[in-house]
Amino acid sequence: MPGPSSCQGAVPGTVNTLETARNALNHITRASEEQGVHSGHPRLMKEIAERAVTEGHGGENYLAVYEMFKKTTSLQKGSPVPRP
């Protein structure tokens, strides 16, 4: 009996959305802090996911952050990076 597409290596954006990733990263960040483990990387990833959700990409998969990165690379050198 074949399993869902996620068991076959393909996870559609409707299953693993940025909102889901943001929630997981929030949990990982909080658990890291509670356990005294360095939380800088998960916190940064959570902030990126939060910004992408704020920009309307919450229902897409994590690769939607590429759209945010495209915007920031088009800024002129020395310009402040836009914050949500």
PDB file of N, CA and C in Angstrom:
ATOM      1  N   MET A   1       0.851  -1.177   0.000  1.00  0.00           N
ATOM      2  CA  MET A   1       0.000   0.000   0.000  1.00  0.00           C
ATOM      3  C   MET A   1       0.888   1.228   0.000  1.00  0.00           C
ATOM      4  N   PRO A   2       0.791   2.074  -1.028  1.00  0.00           N
ATOM      5  CA  PRO A   2       1.653   3.255  -1.080  1.00  0.00           C
ATOM      6  C   PRO A   2       1.248   4.281  -0.028  1.00  0.00           C
ATOM      7  N   GLY A   3       2.261   4.920   0.530  1.00  0.00           N
ATOM      8  CA  GLY A   3       2.016   5.947   1.536  1.00  0.00           C
ATOM      9  C   GLY A   3       1.772   7.294   0.887  1.00  0.00           C
ATOM     10  N   PRO A   4       1.554   8.320   1.694  1.00  0.00           N
ATOM     11  CA  PRO A   4       1.365   9.663   1.158  1.00  0.00           C
ATOM     12  C   PRO A   4       2.632  10.139   0.471  1.00  0.00           C
ATOM     13  N   SER A   5       2.503  11.175  -0.337  1.00  0.00           N
ATOM     14  CA  SER A   5       3.642  11.659  -1.100  1.00  0.00           C
ATOM     15  C   SER A   5       4.810  12.057  -0.199  1.00  0.00           C
ATOM     16  N   SER A   6       4.543  12.484   1.035  1.00  0.00           N
ATOM     17  CA  SER A   6       5.628  12.870   1.929  1.00  0.00           C
ATOM     18  C   SER A   6       6.499  11.667   2.283  1.00  0.00           C
ATOM     19  N   CYS A   7       5.939  10.460   2.241  1.00  0.00           N
ATOM     20  CA  CYS A   7       6.713   9.256   2.514  1.00  0.00           C
ATOM     21  C   CYS A   7       7.549   8.862   1.304  1.00  0.00           C
ATOM     22  N   GLN A   8       7.251   9.428   0.174  1.00  0.00           N
ATOM     23  CA  GLN A   8       7.965   9.102  -1.055  1.00  0.00           C
ATOM     24  C   GLN A   8       8.973  10.186  -1.413  1.00  0.00           C
ATOM     25  N   GLY A   9       9.272  11.089  -0.496  1.00  0.00           N
ATOM     26  CA  GLY A   9      10.285  12.096  -0.706  1.00  0.00           C
ATOM     27  C   GLY A   9       9.791  13.420  -1.245  1.00  0.00           C
ATOM     28  N   ALA A  10       8.518  13.556  -1.514  1.00  0.00           N
ATOM     29  CA  ALA A  10       7.977  14.817  -2.017  1.00  0.00           C
ATOM     30  C   ALA A  10       6.994  15.367  -1.001  1.00  0.00           C
ATOM     31  N   VAL A  11       7.309  16.530  -0.444  1.00  0.00           N
ATOM     32  CA  VAL A  11       6.420  17.143   0.533  1.00  0.00           C
ATOM     33  C   VAL A  11       5.876  18.439  -0.065  1.00  0.00           C
ATOM     34  N   PRO A  12       4.584  18.454  -0.391  1.00  0.00           N
ATOM     35  CA  PRO A  12       4.019  19.671  -0.974  1.00  0.00           C
ATOM     36  C   PRO A  12       3.981  20.808   0.037  1.00  0.00           C
ATOM     37  N   GLY A  13       3.996  22.046  -0.458  1.00  0.00           N
ATOM     38  CA  GLY A  13       3.973  23.213   0.407  1.00  0.00           C
ATOM     39  C   GLY A  13       2.747  23.295   1.285  1.00  0.00           C
ATOM     40  N   THR A  14       1.676  22.618   0.899  1.00  0.00           N
ATOM     41  CA  THR A  14       0.457  22.642   1.703  1.00  0.00           C
ATOM     42  C   THR A  14       0.589  21.773   2.941  1.00  0.00           C
ATOM     43  N   VAL A  15       1.590  20.887   2.993  1.00  0.00           N
ATOM     44  CA  VAL A  15       1.786  20.023   4.151  1.00  0.00           C
ATOM     45  C   VAL A  15       2.788  20.652   5.109  1.00  0.00           C
ATOM     46  N   ASN A  16       3.894  21.121   4.587  1.00  0.00           N
ATOM     47  CA  ASN A  16       4.953  21.697   5.408  1.00  0.00           C
ATOM     48  C   ASN A  16       5.076  23.177   5.080  1.00  0.00           C
ATOM     49  N   THR A  17       4.210  23.969   5.666  1.00  0.00           N
ATOM     50  CA  THR A  17       4.158  25.399   5.356  1.00  0.00           C
ATOM     51  C   THR A  17       5.123  26.186   6.230  1.00  0.00           C
ATOM     52  N   LEU A  18       5.345  27.423   5.845  1.00  0.00           N
ATOM     53  CA  LEU A  18       6.173  28.309   6.662  1.00  0.00           C
ATOM     54  C   LEU A  18       5.567  28.531   8.037  1.00  0.00           C
ATOM     55  N   GLU A  19       4.252  28.535   8.117  1.00  0.00           N
ATOM     56  CA  GLU A  19       3.613  28.681   9.428  1.00  0.00           C
ATOM     57  C   GLU A  19       3.964  27.494  10.320  1.00  0.00           C
ATOM     58  N   THR A  20       3.975  26.291   9.738  1.00  0.00           N
ATOM     59  CA  THR A  20       4.351  25.096  10.488  1.00  0.00           C
ATOM     60  C   THR A  20       5.816  25.166  10.889  1.00  0.00           C
ATOM     61  N   ALA A  21       6.677  25.575   9.950  1.00  0.00           N
ATOM     62  CA  ALA A  21       8.106  25.697  10.234  1.00  0.00           C
ATOM     63  C   ALA A  21       8.345  26.736  11.324  1.00  0.00           C
ATOM     64  N   ARG A  22       7.630  27.855  11.249  1.00  0.00           N
ATOM     65  CA  ARG A  22       7.783  28.902  12.263  1.00  0.00           C
ATOM     66  C   ARG A  22       7.422  28.359  13.640  1.00  0.00           C
ATOM     67  N   ASN A  23       6.339  27.620  13.737  1.00  0.00           N
ATOM     68  CA  ASN A  23       5.925  27.050  15.021  1.00  0.00           C
ATOM     69  C   ASN A  23       6.965  26.058  15.542  1.00  0.00           C
ATOM     70  N   ALA A  24       7.494  25.220  14.645  1.00  0.00           N
ATOM     71  CA  ALA A  24       8.518  24.250  15.050  1.00  0.00           C
ATOM     72  C   ALA A  24       9.786  24.968  15.503  1.00  0.00           C
ATOM     73  N   LEU A  25      10.190  25.994  14.753  1.00  0.00           N
ATOM     74  CA  LEU A  25      11.394  26.737  15.117  1.00  0.00           C
ATOM     75  C   LEU A  25      11.211  27.504  16.427  1.00  0.00           C
ATOM     76  N   ASN A  26       9.999  27.958  16.694  1.00  0.00           N
ATOM     77  CA  ASN A  26       9.710  28.604  17.978  1.00  0.00           C
ATOM     78  C   ASN A  26       9.924  27.606  19.114  1.00  0.00           C
ATOM     79  N   HIS A  27       9.424  26.391  18.928  1.00  0.00           N
ATOM     80  CA  HIS A  27       9.591  25.342  19.936  1.00  0.00           C
ATOM     81  C   HIS A  27      11.070  24.984  20.109  1.00  0.00           C
ATOM     82  N   ILE A  28      11.795  24.817  19.003  1.00  0.00           N
ATOM     83  CA  ILE A  28      13.212  24.458  19.070  1.00  0.00           C
ATOM     84  C   ILE A  28      14.006  25.557  19.770  1.00  0.00           C
ATOM     85  N   THR A  29      13.709  26.811  19.442  1.00  0.00           N
ATOM     86  CA  THR A  29      14.410  27.932  20.072  1.00  0.00           C
ATOM     87  C   THR A  29      14.149  27.954  21.570  1.00  0.00           C
ATOM     88  N   ARG A  30      12.891  27.831  21.941  1.00  0.00           N
ATOM     89  CA  ARG A  30      12.530  27.866  23.364  1.00  0.00           C
ATOM     90  C   ARG A  30      13.165  26.687  24.116  1.00  0.00           C
ATOM     91  N   ALA A  31      13.112  25.487  23.519  1.00  0.00           N
ATOM     92  CA  ALA A  31      13.694  24.313  24.169  1.00  0.00           C
ATOM     93  C   ALA A  31      15.212  24.451  24.296  1.00  0.00           C
ATOM     94  N   SER A  32      15.853  25.002  23.274  1.00  0.00           N
ATOM     95  CA  SER A  32      17.305  25.215  23.331  1.00  0.00           C
ATOM     96  C   SER A  32      17.661  26.152  24.473  1.00  0.00           C
ATOM     97  N   GLU A  33      16.925  27.248  24.576  1.00  0.00           N
ATOM     98  CA  GLU A  33      17.183  28.214  25.648  1.00  0.00           C
ATOM     99  C   GLU A  33      16.956  27.593  27.015  1.00  0.00           C
ATOM    100  N   GLU A  34      15.888  26.812  27.153  1.00  0.00           N
ATOM    101  CA  GLU A  34      15.584  26.172  28.433  1.00  0.00           C
ATOM    102  C   GLU A  34      16.654  25.164  28.826  1.00  0.00           C
ATOM    103  N   GLN A  35      17.263  24.502  27.830  1.00  0.00           N
ATOM    104  CA  GLN A  35      18.268  23.478  28.097  1.00  0.00           C
ATOM    105  C   GLN A  35      19.691  24.034  28.125  1.00  0.00           C
ATOM    106  N   GLY A  36      19.824  25.348  27.896  1.00  0.00           N
ATOM    107  CA  GLY A  36      21.137  25.960  27.922  1.00  0.00           C
ATOM    108  C   GLY A  36      21.966  25.672  26.673  1.00  0.00           C
ATOM    109  N   VAL A  37      21.295  25.324  25.583  1.00  0.00           N
ATOM    110  CA  VAL A  37      21.968  25.047  24.316  1.00  0.00           C
ATOM    111  C   VAL A  37      21.944  26.326  23.478  1.00  0.00           C
ATOM    112  N   HIS A  38      23.023  26.568  22.734  1.00  0.00           N
ATOM    113  CA  HIS A  38      23.087  27.759  21.887  1.00  0.00           C
ATOM    114  C   HIS A  38      21.854  27.809  20.981  1.00  0.00           C
ATOM    115  N   SER A  39      21.138  28.909  21.020  1.00  0.00           N
ATOM    116  CA  SER A  39      19.885  29.025  20.265  1.00  0.00           C
ATOM    117  C   SER A  39      19.962  30.052  19.145  1.00  0.00           C
ATOM    118  N   GLY A  40      21.152  30.538  18.840  1.00  0.00           N
ATOM    119  CA  GLY A  40      21.290  31.584  17.834  1.00  0.00           C
ATOM    120  C   GLY A  40      20.806  31.180  16.456  1.00  0.00           C
ATOM    121  N   HIS A  41      21.183  30.002  16.001  1.00  0.00           N
ATOM    122  CA  HIS A  41      20.780  29.576  14.661  1.00  0.00           C
ATOM    123  C   HIS A  41      19.280  29.313  14.554  1.00  0.00           C
ATOM    124  N   PRO A  42      18.682  28.539  15.457  1.00  0.00           N
ATOM    125  CA  PRO A  42      17.234  28.362  15.340  1.00  0.00           C
ATOM    126  C   PRO A  42      16.468  29.672  15.510  1.00  0.00           C
ATOM    127  N   ARG A  43      16.986  30.586  16.359  1.00  0.00           N
ATOM    128  CA  ARG A  43      16.321  31.879  16.538  1.00  0.00           C
ATOM    129  C   ARG A  43      16.364  32.679  15.235  1.00  0.00           C
ATOM    130  N   LEU A  44      17.502  32.673  14.555  1.00  0.00           N
ATOM    131  CA  LEU A  44      17.619  33.376  13.285  1.00  0.00           C
ATOM    132  C   LEU A  44      16.674  32.777  12.244  1.00  0.00           C
ATOM    133  N   MET A  45      16.627  31.451  12.170  1.00  0.00           N
ATOM    134  CA  MET A  45      15.726  30.799  11.215  1.00  0.00           C
ATOM    135  C   MET A  45      14.268  31.114  11.535  1.00  0.00           C
ATOM    136  N   LYS A  46      13.939  31.165  12.834  1.00  0.00           N
ATOM    137  CA  LYS A  46      12.572  31.505  13.249  1.00  0.00           C
ATOM    138  C   LYS A  46      12.229  32.929  12.833  1.00  0.00           C
ATOM    139  N   GLU A  47      13.166  33.859  13.009  1.00  0.00           N
ATOM    140  CA  GLU A  47      12.929  35.246  12.616  1.00  0.00           C
ATOM    141  C   GLU A  47      12.725  35.372  11.109  1.00  0.00           C
ATOM    142  N   ILE A  48      13.490  34.606  10.337  1.00  0.00           N
ATOM    143  CA  ILE A  48      13.324  34.612   8.887  1.00  0.00           C
ATOM    144  C   ILE A  48      11.941  34.071   8.520  1.00  0.00           C
ATOM    145  N   ALA A  49      11.542  32.971   9.160  1.00  0.00           N
ATOM    146  CA  ALA A  49      10.220  32.395   8.888  1.00  0.00           C
ATOM    147  C   ALA A  49       9.119  33.377   9.290  1.00  0.00           C
ATOM    148  N   GLU A  50       9.263  34.045  10.425  1.00  0.00           N
ATOM    149  CA  GLU A  50       8.255  35.015  10.868  1.00  0.00           C
ATOM    150  C   GLU A  50       8.125  36.154   9.859  1.00  0.00           C
ATOM    151  N   ARG A  51       9.246  36.620   9.369  1.00  0.00           N
ATOM    152  CA  ARG A  51       9.213  37.705   8.378  1.00  0.00           C
ATOM    153  C   ARG A  51       8.526  37.251   7.095  1.00  0.00           C
ATOM    154  N   ALA A  52       8.818  36.037   6.653  1.00  0.00           N
ATOM    155  CA  ALA A  52       8.188  35.517   5.436  1.00  0.00           C
ATOM    156  C   ALA A  52       6.682  35.361   5.619  1.00  0.00           C
ATOM    157  N   VAL A  53       6.263  34.893   6.791  1.00  0.00           N
ATOM    158  CA  VAL A  53       4.827  34.766   7.075  1.00  0.00           C
ATOM    159  C   VAL A  53       4.187  36.147   7.048  1.00  0.00           C
ATOM    160  N   THR A  54       4.832  37.129   7.668  1.00  0.00           N
ATOM    161  CA  THR A  54       4.326  38.501   7.685  1.00  0.00           C
ATOM    162  C   THR A  54       4.172  39.055   6.268  1.00  0.00           C
ATOM    163  N   GLU A  55       5.094  38.654   5.376  1.00  0.00           N
ATOM    164  CA  GLU A  55       5.044  39.121   3.991  1.00  0.00           C
ATOM    165  C   GLU A  55       4.062  38.323   3.132  1.00  0.00           C
ATOM    166  N   GLY A  56       3.318  37.397   3.752  1.00  0.00           N
ATOM    167  CA  GLY A  56       2.273  36.693   3.027  1.00  0.00           C
ATOM    168  C   GLY A  56       2.640  35.332   2.484  1.00  0.00           C
ATOM    169  N   HIS A  57       3.771  34.761   2.917  1.00  0.00           N
ATOM    170  CA  HIS A  57       4.206  33.463   2.408  1.00  0.00           C
ATOM    171  C   HIS A  57       3.888  32.312   3.369  1.00  0.00           C
ATOM    172  N   GLY A  58       3.053  32.541   4.355  1.00  0.00           N
ATOM    173  CA  GLY A  58       2.792  31.543   5.393  1.00  0.00           C
ATOM    174  C   GLY A  58       2.268  30.219   4.900  1.00  0.00           C
ATOM    175  N   GLY A  59       1.514  30.213   3.811  1.00  0.00           N
ATOM    176  CA  GLY A  59       0.958  28.969   3.278  1.00  0.00           C
ATOM    177  C   GLY A  59       1.873  28.245   2.316  1.00  0.00           C
ATOM    178  N   GLU A  60       3.062  28.815   2.067  1.00  0.00           N
ATOM    179  CA  GLU A  60       4.024  28.199   1.152  1.00  0.00           C
ATOM    180  C   GLU A  60       5.068  27.419   1.943  1.00  0.00           C
ATOM    181  N   ASN A  61       5.922  26.673   1.248  1.00  0.00           N
ATOM    182  CA  ASN A  61       6.963  25.950   1.971  1.00  0.00           C
ATOM    183  C   ASN A  61       8.131  26.872   2.287  1.00  0.00           C
ATOM    184  N   TYR A  62       9.117  26.359   3.038  1.00  0.00           N
ATOM    185  CA  TYR A  62      10.200  27.193   3.552  1.00  0.00           C
ATOM    186  C   TYR A  62      11.029  27.839   2.445  1.00  0.00           C
ATOM    187  N   LEU A  63      11.027  27.255   1.261  1.00  0.00           N
ATOM    188  CA  LEU A  63      11.792  27.835   0.159  1.00  0.00           C
ATOM    189  C   LEU A  63      11.247  29.187  -0.283  1.00  0.00           C
ATOM    190  N   ALA A  64      10.088  29.574   0.193  1.00  0.00           N
ATOM    191  CA  ALA A  64       9.530  30.887  -0.138  1.00  0.00           C
ATOM    192  C   ALA A  64      10.386  32.012   0.430  1.00  0.00           C
ATOM    193  N   VAL A  65      11.264  31.712   1.386  1.00  0.00           N
ATOM    194  CA  VAL A  65      12.132  32.761   1.920  1.00  0.00           C
ATOM    195  C   VAL A  65      13.065  33.284   0.826  1.00  0.00           C
ATOM    196  N   TYR A  66      13.228  32.526  -0.220  1.00  0.00           N
ATOM    197  CA  TYR A  66      14.029  32.973  -1.359  1.00  0.00           C
ATOM    198  C   TYR A  66      13.516  34.314  -1.876  1.00  0.00           C
ATOM    199  N   GLU A  67      12.202  34.505  -1.885  1.00  0.00           N
ATOM    200  CA  GLU A  67      11.627  35.770  -2.348  1.00  0.00           C
ATOM    201  C   GLU A  67      12.101  36.936  -1.480  1.00  0.00           C
ATOM    202  N   MET A  68      12.230  36.713  -0.188  1.00  0.00           N
ATOM    203  CA  MET A  68      12.732  37.755   0.710  1.00  0.00           C
ATOM    204  C   MET A  68      14.202  38.036   0.422  1.00  0.00           C
ATOM    205  N   PHE A  69      14.974  36.981   0.223  1.00  0.00           N
ATOM    206  CA  PHE A  69      16.394  37.158  -0.032  1.00  0.00           C
ATOM    207  C   PHE A  69      16.632  37.887  -1.350  1.00  0.00           C
ATOM    208  N   LYS A  70      15.783  37.644  -2.334  1.00  0.00           N
ATOM    209  CA  LYS A  70      15.911  38.359  -3.605  1.00  0.00           C
ATOM    210  C   LYS A  70      15.738  39.853  -3.385  1.00  0.00           C
ATOM    211  N   LYS A  71      14.781  40.229  -2.530  1.00  0.00           N
ATOM    212  CA  LYS A  71      14.534  41.643  -2.253  1.00  0.00           C
ATOM    213  C   LYS A  71      15.739  42.289  -1.578  1.00  0.00           C
ATOM    214  N   THR A  72      16.323  41.609  -0.600  1.00  0.00           N
ATOM    215  CA  THR A  72      17.423  42.214   0.146  1.00  0.00           C
ATOM    216  C   THR A  72      18.688  42.300  -0.694  1.00  0.00           C
ATOM    217  N   THR A  73      18.893  41.401  -1.642  1.00  0.00           N
ATOM    218  CA  THR A  73      20.088  41.486  -2.471  1.00  0.00           C
ATOM    219  C   THR A  73      19.978  42.587  -3.505  1.00  0.00           C
ATOM    220  N   SER A  74      18.766  43.056  -3.766  1.00  0.00           N
ATOM    221  CA  SER A  74      18.606  44.131  -4.734  1.00  0.00           C
ATOM    222  C   SER A  74      18.820  45.512  -4.106  1.00  0.00           C
ATOM    223  N   LEU A  75      18.981  45.558  -2.776  1.00  0.00           N
ATOM    224  CA  LEU A  75      19.253  46.834  -2.113  1.00  0.00           C
ATOM    225  C   LEU A  75      20.650  47.315  -2.472  1.00  0.00           C
ATOM    226  N   GLN A  76      20.814  48.607  -2.517  1.00  0.00           N
ATOM    227  CA  GLN A  76      22.138  49.159  -2.770  1.00  0.00           C
ATOM    228  C   GLN A  76      23.020  48.957  -1.554  1.00  0.00           C
ATOM    229  N   LYS A  77      24.304  48.810  -1.804  1.00  0.00           N
ATOM    230  CA  LYS A  77      25.256  48.634  -0.714  1.00  0.00           C
ATOM    231  C   LYS A  77      25.179  49.836   0.229  1.00  0.00           C
ATOM    232  N   GLY A  78      25.094  49.552   1.528  1.00  0.00           N
ATOM    233  CA  GLY A  78      25.009  50.607   2.516  1.00  0.00           C
ATOM    234  C   GLY A  78      23.604  50.973   2.912  1.00  0.00           C
ATOM    235  N   SER A  79      22.613  50.478   2.172  1.00  0.00           N
ATOM    236  CA  SER A  79      21.218  50.763   2.520  1.00  0.00           C
ATOM    237  C   SER A  79      20.811  49.901   3.693  1.00  0.00           C
ATOM    238  N   PRO A  80      19.969  50.400   4.569  1.00  0.00           N
ATOM    239  CA  PRO A  80      19.507  49.575   5.675  1.00  0.00           C
ATOM    240  C   PRO A  80      18.629  48.425   5.164  1.00  0.00           C
ATOM    241  N   VAL A  81      18.743  47.294   5.813  1.00  0.00           N
ATOM    242  CA  VAL A  81      17.918  46.142   5.463  1.00  0.00           C
ATOM    243  C   VAL A  81      16.527  46.368   6.019  1.00  0.00           C
ATOM    244  N   PRO A  82      15.493  46.234   5.187  1.00  0.00           N
ATOM    245  CA  PRO A  82      14.121  46.446   5.695  1.00  0.00           C
ATOM    246  C   PRO A  82      13.758  45.407   6.732  1.00  0.00           C
ATOM    247  N   ARG A  83      13.112  45.828   7.787  1.00  0.00           N
ATOM    248  CA  ARG A  83      12.655  44.950   8.855  1.00  0.00           C
ATOM    249  C   ARG A  83      11.144  44.907   8.835  1.00  0.00           C
ATOM    250  N   PRO A  84      10.586  43.796   9.245  1.00  0.00           N
ATOM    251  CA  PRO A  84       9.109  43.709   9.289  1.00  0.00           C
ATOM    252  C   PRO A  84       8.526  44.631  10.328  1.00  0.00           C
TER     253      PRO A  84
END
